[in-house]
Amino acid sequence: MKELQPINQNVLLDITEDKSEQKTASGIIIPDTAKEKNKFAKVVAISNIENLEISVGETVLYKQYSGSEVKFEGKTYLFDSLRFYF
């Protein structure tokens, strides 16, 4: 199996979006354009650095236009600099 691994003080985030419909309690469907889109992602891998304040499996908030997106095995990932997550 192939694997993505960040190097040079980078982190790999799973940013695959939830495509399920959201409804209000009364059954009104909320379109994607009306949803508030905070940018949260799950930490999948971290480059080999000691004494980090984040770890694999944690959920972090990331900047909308930071890093480099890559699609791999049906998911969307983001390679980003660790300096934003200390």
PDB file of N, CA and C in Angstrom:
ATOM      1  N   MET A   1       0.835  -1.186   0.000  1.00  0.00           N
ATOM      2  CA  MET A   1       0.000   0.000   0.000  1.00  0.00           C
ATOM      3  C   MET A   1       0.875   1.243   0.000  1.00  0.00           C
ATOM      4  N   LYS A   2       0.524   2.185  -0.805  1.00  0.00           N
ATOM      5  CA  LYS A   2       1.247   3.449  -0.842  1.00  0.00           C
ATOM      6  C   LYS A   2       0.837   4.297   0.356  1.00  0.00           C
ATOM      7  N   GLU A   3       1.720   5.223   0.706  1.00  0.00           N
ATOM      8  CA  GLU A   3       1.479   6.053   1.878  1.00  0.00           C
ATOM      9  C   GLU A   3       2.032   7.452   1.636  1.00  0.00           C
ATOM     10  N   LEU A   4       1.355   8.461   2.153  1.00  0.00           N
ATOM     11  CA  LEU A   4       1.851   9.830   2.082  1.00  0.00           C
ATOM     12  C   LEU A   4       2.578  10.138   3.382  1.00  0.00           C
ATOM     13  N   GLN A   5       3.763  10.708   3.290  1.00  0.00           N
ATOM     14  CA  GLN A   5       4.537  11.041   4.484  1.00  0.00           C
ATOM     15  C   GLN A   5       5.151  12.429   4.318  1.00  0.00           C
ATOM     16  N   PRO A   6       4.827  13.365   5.208  1.00  0.00           N
ATOM     17  CA  PRO A   6       5.410  14.705   5.110  1.00  0.00           C
ATOM     18  C   PRO A   6       6.883  14.709   5.517  1.00  0.00           C
ATOM     19  N   ILE A   7       7.653  15.619   4.927  1.00  0.00           N
ATOM     20  CA  ILE A   7       9.059  15.799   5.281  1.00  0.00           C
ATOM     21  C   ILE A   7       9.314  17.287   5.516  1.00  0.00           C
ATOM     22  N   ASN A   8      10.499  17.610   5.997  1.00  0.00           N
ATOM     23  CA  ASN A   8      10.929  19.008   6.160  1.00  0.00           C
ATOM     24  C   ASN A   8       9.955  19.868   6.960  1.00  0.00           C
ATOM     25  N   GLN A   9       9.631  19.454   8.155  1.00  0.00           N
ATOM     26  CA  GLN A   9       8.782  20.217   9.075  1.00  0.00           C
ATOM     27  C   GLN A   9       7.401  20.522   8.500  1.00  0.00           C
ATOM     28  N   ASN A  10       6.766  19.495   7.968  1.00  0.00           N
ATOM     29  CA  ASN A  10       5.414  19.625   7.436  1.00  0.00           C
ATOM     30  C   ASN A  10       4.472  18.664   8.138  1.00  0.00           C
ATOM     31  N   VAL A  11       3.192  18.927   7.975  1.00  0.00           N
ATOM     32  CA  VAL A  11       2.145  18.090   8.539  1.00  0.00           C
ATOM     33  C   VAL A  11       1.209  17.691   7.400  1.00  0.00           C
ATOM     34  N   LEU A  12       0.618  16.503   7.496  1.00  0.00           N
ATOM     35  CA  LEU A  12      -0.355  16.033   6.512  1.00  0.00           C
ATOM     36  C   LEU A  12      -1.721  16.016   7.178  1.00  0.00           C
ATOM     37  N   LEU A  13      -2.675  16.755   6.585  1.00  0.00           N
ATOM     38  CA  LEU A  13      -4.019  16.866   7.138  1.00  0.00           C
ATOM     39  C   LEU A  13      -5.030  16.230   6.200  1.00  0.00           C
ATOM     40  N   ASP A  14      -6.006  15.516   6.761  1.00  0.00           N
ATOM     41  CA  ASP A  14      -7.115  14.974   5.982  1.00  0.00           C
ATOM     42  C   ASP A  14      -8.194  16.048   5.949  1.00  0.00           C
ATOM     43  N   ILE A  15      -8.397  16.653   4.777  1.00  0.00           N
ATOM     44  CA  ILE A  15      -9.383  17.730   4.645  1.00  0.00           C
ATOM     45  C   ILE A  15     -10.586  17.299   3.813  1.00  0.00           C
ATOM     46  N   THR A  16     -10.801  15.996   3.698  1.00  0.00           N
ATOM     47  CA  THR A  16     -11.943  15.486   2.951  1.00  0.00           C
ATOM     48  C   THR A  16     -13.214  16.059   3.568  1.00  0.00           C
ATOM     49  N   GLU A  17     -14.012  16.742   2.764  1.00  0.00           N
ATOM     50  CA  GLU A  17     -15.211  17.405   3.264  1.00  0.00           C
ATOM     51  C   GLU A  17     -16.363  16.432   3.412  1.00  0.00           C
ATOM     52  N   ASP A  18     -17.214  16.711   4.393  1.00  0.00           N
ATOM     53  CA  ASP A  18     -18.437  15.952   4.591  1.00  0.00           C
ATOM     54  C   ASP A  18     -19.453  16.434   3.564  1.00  0.00           C
ATOM     55  N   LYS A  19     -19.839  15.558   2.637  1.00  0.00           N
ATOM     56  CA  LYS A  19     -20.749  15.943   1.552  1.00  0.00           C
ATOM     57  C   LYS A  19     -22.221  15.678   1.889  1.00  0.00           C
ATOM     58  N   SER A  20     -22.499  15.247   3.117  1.00  0.00           N
ATOM     59  CA  SER A  20     -23.880  14.937   3.466  1.00  0.00           C
ATOM     60  C   SER A  20     -24.713  16.213   3.586  1.00  0.00           C
ATOM     61  N   GLU A  21     -25.996  16.087   3.284  1.00  0.00           N
ATOM     62  CA  GLU A  21     -26.899  17.230   3.383  1.00  0.00           C
ATOM     63  C   GLU A  21     -27.112  17.582   4.848  1.00  0.00           C
ATOM     64  N   GLN A  22     -27.289  18.849   5.111  1.00  0.00           N
ATOM     65  CA  GLN A  22     -27.644  19.274   6.454  1.00  0.00           C
ATOM     66  C   GLN A  22     -29.048  19.836   6.405  1.00  0.00           C
ATOM     67  N   LYS A  23     -29.852  19.457   7.417  1.00  0.00           N
ATOM     68  CA  LYS A  23     -31.233  19.927   7.488  1.00  0.00           C
ATOM     69  C   LYS A  23     -31.479  20.568   8.844  1.00  0.00           C
ATOM     70  N   THR A  24     -32.417  21.517   8.852  1.00  0.00           N
ATOM     71  CA  THR A  24     -32.862  22.090  10.118  1.00  0.00           C
ATOM     72  C   THR A  24     -33.833  21.105  10.759  1.00  0.00           C
ATOM     73  N   ALA A  25     -34.229  21.377  11.999  1.00  0.00           N
ATOM     74  CA  ALA A  25     -35.168  20.503  12.704  1.00  0.00           C
ATOM     75  C   ALA A  25     -36.507  20.420  11.979  1.00  0.00           C
ATOM     76  N   SER A  26     -36.874  21.478  11.253  1.00  0.00           N
ATOM     77  CA  SER A  26     -38.149  21.477  10.530  1.00  0.00           C
ATOM     78  C   SER A  26     -38.050  20.856   9.134  1.00  0.00           C
ATOM     79  N   GLY A  27     -36.846  20.385   8.746  1.00  0.00           N
ATOM     80  CA  GLY A  27     -36.683  19.697   7.478  1.00  0.00           C
ATOM     81  C   GLY A  27     -36.184  20.541   6.324  1.00  0.00           C
ATOM     82  N   ILE A  28     -35.837  21.793   6.575  1.00  0.00           N
ATOM     83  CA  ILE A  28     -35.317  22.658   5.510  1.00  0.00           C
ATOM     84  C   ILE A  28     -33.867  22.280   5.225  1.00  0.00           C
ATOM     85  N   ILE A  29     -33.552  22.028   3.946  1.00  0.00           N
ATOM     86  CA  ILE A  29     -32.188  21.661   3.555  1.00  0.00           C
ATOM     87  C   ILE A  29     -31.344  22.920   3.444  1.00  0.00           C
ATOM     88  N   ILE A  30     -30.174  22.883   4.085  1.00  0.00           N
ATOM     89  CA  ILE A  30     -29.253  24.024   4.054  1.00  0.00           C
ATOM     90  C   ILE A  30     -28.269  23.809   2.912  1.00  0.00           C
ATOM     91  N   PRO A  31     -28.253  24.691   1.897  1.00  0.00           N
ATOM     92  CA  PRO A  31     -27.319  24.518   0.773  1.00  0.00           C
ATOM     93  C   PRO A  31     -25.880  24.791   1.208  1.00  0.00           C
ATOM     94  N   ASP A  32     -24.920  24.211   0.473  1.00  0.00           N
ATOM     95  CA  ASP A  32     -23.503  24.395   0.786  1.00  0.00           C
ATOM     96  C   ASP A  32     -23.109  25.861   0.850  1.00  0.00           C
ATOM     97  N   THR A  33     -23.701  26.685  -0.009  1.00  0.00           N
ATOM     98  CA  THR A  33     -23.324  28.100  -0.046  1.00  0.00           C
ATOM     99  C   THR A  33     -23.729  28.844   1.218  1.00  0.00           C
ATOM    100  N   ALA A  34     -24.674  28.316   1.971  1.00  0.00           N
ATOM    101  CA  ALA A  34     -25.132  28.981   3.190  1.00  0.00           C
ATOM    102  C   ALA A  34     -24.453  28.441   4.442  1.00  0.00           C
ATOM    103  N   LYS A  35     -23.726  27.363   4.306  1.00  0.00           N
ATOM    104  CA  LYS A  35     -23.072  26.760   5.467  1.00  0.00           C
ATOM    105  C   LYS A  35     -21.836  27.553   5.858  1.00  0.00           C
ATOM    106  N   GLU A  36     -21.656  27.683   7.161  1.00  0.00           N
ATOM    107  CA  GLU A  36     -20.430  28.297   7.657  1.00  0.00           C
ATOM    108  C   GLU A  36     -19.331  27.254   7.513  1.00  0.00           C
ATOM    109  N   LYS A  37     -18.250  27.626   6.886  1.00  0.00           N
ATOM    110  CA  LYS A  37     -17.218  26.640   6.591  1.00  0.00           C
ATOM    111  C   LYS A  37     -15.938  26.931   7.363  1.00  0.00           C
ATOM    112  N   ASN A  38     -15.902  26.464   8.605  1.00  0.00           N
ATOM    113  CA  ASN A  38     -14.650  26.505   9.338  1.00  0.00           C
ATOM    114  C   ASN A  38     -13.754  25.443   8.737  1.00  0.00           C
ATOM    115  N   LYS A  39     -12.490  25.691   8.731  1.00  0.00           N
ATOM    116  CA  LYS A  39     -11.549  24.775   8.104  1.00  0.00           C
ATOM    117  C   LYS A  39     -10.883  23.903   9.167  1.00  0.00           C
ATOM    118  N   PHE A  40     -11.526  22.795   9.480  1.00  0.00           N
ATOM    119  CA  PHE A  40     -10.977  21.843  10.431  1.00  0.00           C
ATOM    120  C   PHE A  40     -10.496  20.616   9.677  1.00  0.00           C
ATOM    121  N   ALA A  41      -9.447  19.997  10.178  1.00  0.00           N
ATOM    122  CA  ALA A  41      -8.908  18.803   9.535  1.00  0.00           C
ATOM    123  C   ALA A  41      -8.304  17.887  10.587  1.00  0.00           C
ATOM    124  N   LYS A  42      -8.189  16.631  10.220  1.00  0.00           N
ATOM    125  CA  LYS A  42      -7.581  15.639  11.104  1.00  0.00           C
ATOM    126  C   LYS A  42      -6.112  15.478  10.730  1.00  0.00           C
ATOM    127  N   VAL A  43      -5.237  15.477  11.737  1.00  0.00           N
ATOM    128  CA  VAL A  43      -3.806  15.272  11.509  1.00  0.00           C
ATOM    129  C   VAL A  43      -3.585  13.795  11.194  1.00  0.00           C
ATOM    130  N   VAL A  44      -3.029  13.518  10.012  1.00  0.00           N
ATOM    131  CA  VAL A  44      -2.804  12.143   9.563  1.00  0.00           C
ATOM    132  C   VAL A  44      -1.354  11.725   9.781  1.00  0.00           C
ATOM    133  N   ALA A  45      -0.420  12.640   9.534  1.00  0.00           N
ATOM    134  CA  ALA A  45       1.005  12.331   9.689  1.00  0.00           C
ATOM    135  C   ALA A  45       1.776  13.621   9.936  1.00  0.00           C
ATOM    136  N   ILE A  46       2.903  13.479  10.620  1.00  0.00           N
ATOM    137  CA  ILE A  46       3.770  14.615  10.931  1.00  0.00           C
ATOM    138  C   ILE A  46       5.190  14.218  10.573  1.00  0.00           C
ATOM    139  N   SER A  47       5.957  15.175  10.039  1.00  0.00           N
ATOM    140  CA  SER A  47       7.359  14.869   9.744  1.00  0.00           C
ATOM    141  C   SER A  47       8.084  14.532  11.047  1.00  0.00           C
ATOM    142  N   ASN A  48       9.215  13.906  10.944  1.00  0.00           N
ATOM    143  CA  ASN A  48       9.941  13.370  12.096  1.00  0.00           C
ATOM    144  C   ASN A  48      10.616  14.480  12.904  1.00  0.00           C
ATOM    145  N   ILE A  49       9.853  15.094  13.809  1.00  0.00           N
ATOM    146  CA  ILE A  49      10.361  16.168  14.663  1.00  0.00           C
ATOM    147  C   ILE A  49       9.911  15.888  16.095  1.00  0.00           C
ATOM    148  N   GLU A  50      10.775  16.178  17.054  1.00  0.00           N
ATOM    149  CA  GLU A  50      10.453  15.920  18.460  1.00  0.00           C
ATOM    150  C   GLU A  50       9.817  17.139  19.116  1.00  0.00           C
ATOM    151  N   ASN A  51       9.155  16.889  20.244  1.00  0.00           N
ATOM    152  CA  ASN A  51       8.578  17.932  21.103  1.00  0.00           C
ATOM    153  C   ASN A  51       7.540  18.803  20.402  1.00  0.00           C
ATOM    154  N   LEU A  52       6.610  18.171  19.723  1.00  0.00           N
ATOM    155  CA  LEU A  52       5.542  18.913  19.054  1.00  0.00           C
ATOM    156  C   LEU A  52       4.335  19.046  19.972  1.00  0.00           C
ATOM    157  N   GLU A  53       3.557  20.090  19.766  1.00  0.00           N
ATOM    158  CA  GLU A  53       2.353  20.297  20.561  1.00  0.00           C
ATOM    159  C   GLU A  53       1.121  19.651  19.932  1.00  0.00           C
ATOM    160  N   ILE A  54       1.248  19.106  18.740  1.00  0.00           N
ATOM    161  CA  ILE A  54       0.140  18.386  18.111  1.00  0.00           C
ATOM    162  C   ILE A  54       0.577  16.956  17.858  1.00  0.00           C
ATOM    163  N   SER A  55      -0.416  16.077  17.680  1.00  0.00           N
ATOM    164  CA  SER A  55      -0.083  14.682  17.400  1.00  0.00           C
ATOM    165  C   SER A  55      -1.080  14.110  16.396  1.00  0.00           C
ATOM    166  N   VAL A  56      -0.724  12.988  15.826  1.00  0.00           N
ATOM    167  CA  VAL A  56      -1.572  12.309  14.850  1.00  0.00           C
ATOM    168  C   VAL A  56      -2.914  11.973  15.503  1.00  0.00           C
ATOM    169  N   GLY A  57      -3.988  12.230  14.768  1.00  0.00           N
ATOM    170  CA  GLY A  57      -5.326  11.943  15.260  1.00  0.00           C
ATOM    171  C   GLY A  57      -6.061  13.159  15.801  1.00  0.00           C
ATOM    172  N   GLU A  58      -5.338  14.228  16.102  1.00  0.00           N
ATOM    173  CA  GLU A  58      -5.971  15.441  16.610  1.00  0.00           C
ATOM    174  C   GLU A  58      -6.651  16.205  15.475  1.00  0.00           C
ATOM    175  N   THR A  59      -7.631  17.015  15.834  1.00  0.00           N
ATOM    176  CA  THR A  59      -8.297  17.890  14.879  1.00  0.00           C
ATOM    177  C   THR A  59      -7.756  19.297  15.061  1.00  0.00           C
ATOM    178  N   VAL A  60      -7.392  19.930  13.953  1.00  0.00           N
ATOM    179  CA  VAL A  60      -6.816  21.274  13.996  1.00  0.00           C
ATOM    180  C   VAL A  60      -7.586  22.200  13.061  1.00  0.00           C
ATOM    181  N   LEU A  61      -7.471  23.481  13.310  1.00  0.00           N
ATOM    182  CA  LEU A  61      -8.030  24.511  12.446  1.00  0.00           C
ATOM    183  C   LEU A  61      -6.915  24.975  11.522  1.00  0.00           C
ATOM    184  N   TYR A  62      -7.184  25.042  10.213  1.00  0.00           N
ATOM    185  CA  TYR A  62      -6.138  25.460   9.277  1.00  0.00           C
ATOM    186  C   TYR A  62      -6.605  26.646   8.443  1.00  0.00           C
ATOM    187  N   LYS A  63      -5.642  27.373   7.902  1.00  0.00           N
ATOM    188  CA  LYS A  63      -5.946  28.538   7.075  1.00  0.00           C
ATOM    189  C   LYS A  63      -6.440  28.089   5.705  1.00  0.00           C
ATOM    190  N   GLN A  64      -7.407  28.796   5.162  1.00  0.00           N
ATOM    191  CA  GLN A  64      -8.052  28.407   3.908  1.00  0.00           C
ATOM    192  C   GLN A  64      -7.089  28.281   2.737  1.00  0.00           C
ATOM    193  N   TYR A  65      -6.143  29.176   2.591  1.00  0.00           N
ATOM    194  CA  TYR A  65      -5.284  29.149   1.408  1.00  0.00           C
ATOM    195  C   TYR A  65      -3.856  28.719   1.728  1.00  0.00           C
ATOM    196  N   SER A  66      -3.666  27.958   2.771  1.00  0.00           N
ATOM    197  CA  SER A  66      -2.315  27.525   3.122  1.00  0.00           C
ATOM    198  C   SER A  66      -2.049  26.122   2.582  1.00  0.00           C
ATOM    199  N   GLY A  67      -0.793  25.776   2.472  1.00  0.00           N
ATOM    200  CA  GLY A  67      -0.405  24.430   2.093  1.00  0.00           C
ATOM    201  C   GLY A  67      -0.689  24.054   0.654  1.00  0.00           C
ATOM    202  N   SER A  68      -0.511  22.762   0.384  1.00  0.00           N
ATOM    203  CA  SER A  68      -0.722  22.209  -0.957  1.00  0.00           C
ATOM    204  C   SER A  68      -1.671  21.022  -0.869  1.00  0.00           C
ATOM    205  N   GLU A  69      -2.778  21.098  -1.604  1.00  0.00           N
ATOM    206  CA  GLU A  69      -3.747  20.004  -1.615  1.00  0.00           C
ATOM    207  C   GLU A  69      -3.294  18.889  -2.538  1.00  0.00           C
ATOM    208  N   VAL A  70      -3.616  17.653  -2.147  1.00  0.00           N
ATOM    209  CA  VAL A  70      -3.339  16.492  -2.980  1.00  0.00           C
ATOM    210  C   VAL A  70      -4.478  15.492  -2.778  1.00  0.00           C
ATOM    211  N   LYS A  71      -4.930  14.881  -3.872  1.00  0.00           N
ATOM    212  CA  LYS A  71      -5.948  13.831  -3.785  1.00  0.00           C
ATOM    213  C   LYS A  71      -5.235  12.490  -3.823  1.00  0.00           C
ATOM    214  N   PHE A  72      -5.613  11.590  -2.906  1.00  0.00           N
ATOM    215  CA  PHE A  72      -4.949  10.295  -2.789  1.00  0.00           C
ATOM    216  C   PHE A  72      -5.961   9.277  -2.299  1.00  0.00           C
ATOM    217  N   GLU A  73      -6.170   8.229  -3.062  1.00  0.00           N
ATOM    218  CA  GLU A  73      -7.082   7.137  -2.720  1.00  0.00           C
ATOM    219  C   GLU A  73      -8.470   7.639  -2.307  1.00  0.00           C
ATOM    220  N   GLY A  74      -9.002   8.591  -3.080  1.00  0.00           N
ATOM    221  CA  GLY A  74     -10.360   9.066  -2.865  1.00  0.00           C
ATOM    222  C   GLY A  74     -10.529  10.115  -1.782  1.00  0.00           C
ATOM    223  N   LYS A  75      -9.461  10.542  -1.148  1.00  0.00           N
ATOM    224  CA  LYS A  75      -9.544  11.560  -0.104  1.00  0.00           C
ATOM    225  C   LYS A  75      -8.721  12.775  -0.507  1.00  0.00           C
ATOM    226  N   THR A  76      -9.017  13.896   0.123  1.00  0.00           N
ATOM    227  CA  THR A  76      -8.264  15.119  -0.126  1.00  0.00           C
ATOM    228  C   THR A  76      -7.416  15.431   1.098  1.00  0.00           C
ATOM    229  N   TYR A  77      -6.133  15.632   0.854  1.00  0.00           N
ATOM    230  CA  TYR A  77      -5.182  15.919   1.931  1.00  0.00           C
ATOM    231  C   TYR A  77      -4.532  17.268   1.688  1.00  0.00           C
ATOM    232  N   LEU A  78      -3.954  17.809   2.756  1.00  0.00           N
ATOM    233  CA  LEU A  78      -3.241  19.073   2.677  1.00  0.00           C
ATOM    234  C   LEU A  78      -1.878  18.897   3.336  1.00  0.00           C
ATOM    235  N   PHE A  79      -0.815  19.182   2.587  1.00  0.00           N
ATOM    236  CA  PHE A  79       0.524  19.268   3.159  1.00  0.00           C
ATOM    237  C   PHE A  79       0.707  20.721   3.570  1.00  0.00           C
ATOM    238  N   ASP A  80       1.053  20.957   4.832  1.00  0.00           N
ATOM    239  CA  ASP A  80       1.192  22.321   5.324  1.00  0.00           C
ATOM    240  C   ASP A  80       2.374  22.402   6.281  1.00  0.00           C
ATOM    241  N   SER A  81       2.892  23.594   6.469  1.00  0.00           N
ATOM    242  CA  SER A  81       4.032  23.809   7.354  1.00  0.00           C
ATOM    243  C   SER A  81       3.623  23.646   8.816  1.00  0.00           C
ATOM    244  N   LEU A  82       4.461  22.983   9.593  1.00  0.00           N
ATOM    245  CA  LEU A  82       4.189  22.806  11.017  1.00  0.00           C
ATOM    246  C   LEU A  82       4.199  24.123  11.782  1.00  0.00           C
ATOM    247  N   ARG A  83       4.831  25.134  11.256  1.00  0.00           N
ATOM    248  CA  ARG A  83       4.946  26.392  12.003  1.00  0.00           C
ATOM    249  C   ARG A  83       3.590  27.017  12.308  1.00  0.00           C
ATOM    250  N   PHE A  84       2.547  26.628  11.572  1.00  0.00           N
ATOM    251  CA  PHE A  84       1.212  27.167  11.819  1.00  0.00           C
ATOM    252  C   PHE A  84       0.456  26.412  12.907  1.00  0.00           C
ATOM    253  N   TYR A  85       1.020  25.320  13.424  1.00  0.00           N
ATOM    254  CA  TYR A  85       0.287  24.463  14.355  1.00  0.00           C
ATOM    255  C   TYR A  85       0.966  24.313  15.703  1.00  0.00           C
ATOM    256  N   PHE A  86       1.829  25.242  16.077  1.00  0.00           N
ATOM    257  CA  PHE A  86       2.487  25.193  17.389  1.00  0.00           C
ATOM    258  C   PHE A  86       1.698  25.986  18.393  1.00  0.00           C
TER     259      PHE A  86
END
